[in-house]
Amino acid sequence: MDQWLSVISELGFPIVVTLYLLNRIESKLDTLNHSIQMLPTQLGKN
């Protein structure tokens, strides 16, 4: 039981930080993807 608590305490923080950063990057990638998909439409207007 003590080994599991040690592993969780050592790995918990990096896992939480990684998940947080992945969540932030995902929203930015969605925005970038939408912009790239709209690019031909925007170029066709000019």
Protein backbone atom coordinates (compact mmCIF):
# COMPACT_ATOMS: atom_id res chain seq x y z
CA MET A 1 0.00 0.00 0.00
CA ASP A 2 2.83 2.40 0.83
CA GLN A 3 4.44 1.69 -2.54
CA TRP A 4 1.25 2.71 -4.36
CA LEU A 5 1.00 5.95 -2.40
CA SER A 6 4.64 6.69 -3.22
CA VAL A 7 4.10 6.05 -6.93
CA ILE A 8 0.94 8.17 -7.00
CA SER A 9 2.61 11.04 -5.15
CA GLU A 10 5.61 10.99 -7.49
CA LEU A 11 3.67 10.66 -10.73
CA GLY A 12 0.45 12.46 -9.87
CA PHE A 13 1.68 16.00 -10.40
CA PRO A 14 3.34 15.38 -13.80
CA ILE A 15 0.24 13.53 -15.00
CA VAL A 16 -2.05 16.38 -13.96
CA VAL A 17 0.19 18.98 -15.61
CA THR A 18 0.37 16.90 -18.80
CA LEU A 19 -3.40 16.49 -18.98
CA TYR A 20 -3.91 20.22 -18.38
CA LEU A 21 -1.46 21.18 -21.14
CA LEU A 22 -2.94 18.65 -23.57
CA ASN A 23 -6.38 20.09 -22.94
CA ARG A 24 -5.16 23.63 -23.67
CA ILE A 25 -3.30 22.55 -26.81
CA GLU A 26 -6.36 20.64 -28.04
CA SER A 27 -8.53 23.75 -28.04
CA LYS A 28 -5.86 25.73 -29.88
CA LEU A 29 -5.48 22.96 -32.47
CA ASP A 30 -9.25 22.95 -33.02
CA THR A 31 -9.13 26.69 -33.71
CA LEU A 32 -6.18 26.25 -36.07
CA ASN A 33 -7.92 23.40 -37.89
CA HIS A 34 -11.04 25.51 -38.39
CA SER A 35 -8.95 28.41 -39.72
CA ILE A 36 -7.16 26.15 -42.20
CA GLN A 37 -10.47 24.69 -43.40
CA MET A 38 -11.87 28.19 -43.98
CA LEU A 39 -8.77 29.34 -45.87
CA PRO A 40 -9.92 28.28 -49.37
CA THR A 41 -13.21 30.11 -48.85
CA GLN A 42 -11.43 33.27 -47.75
CA LEU A 43 -8.97 33.09 -50.65
CA GLY A 44 -11.81 32.59 -53.13
CA LYS A 45 -13.46 35.84 -52.06
CA ASN A 46 -10.44 37.93 -53.12
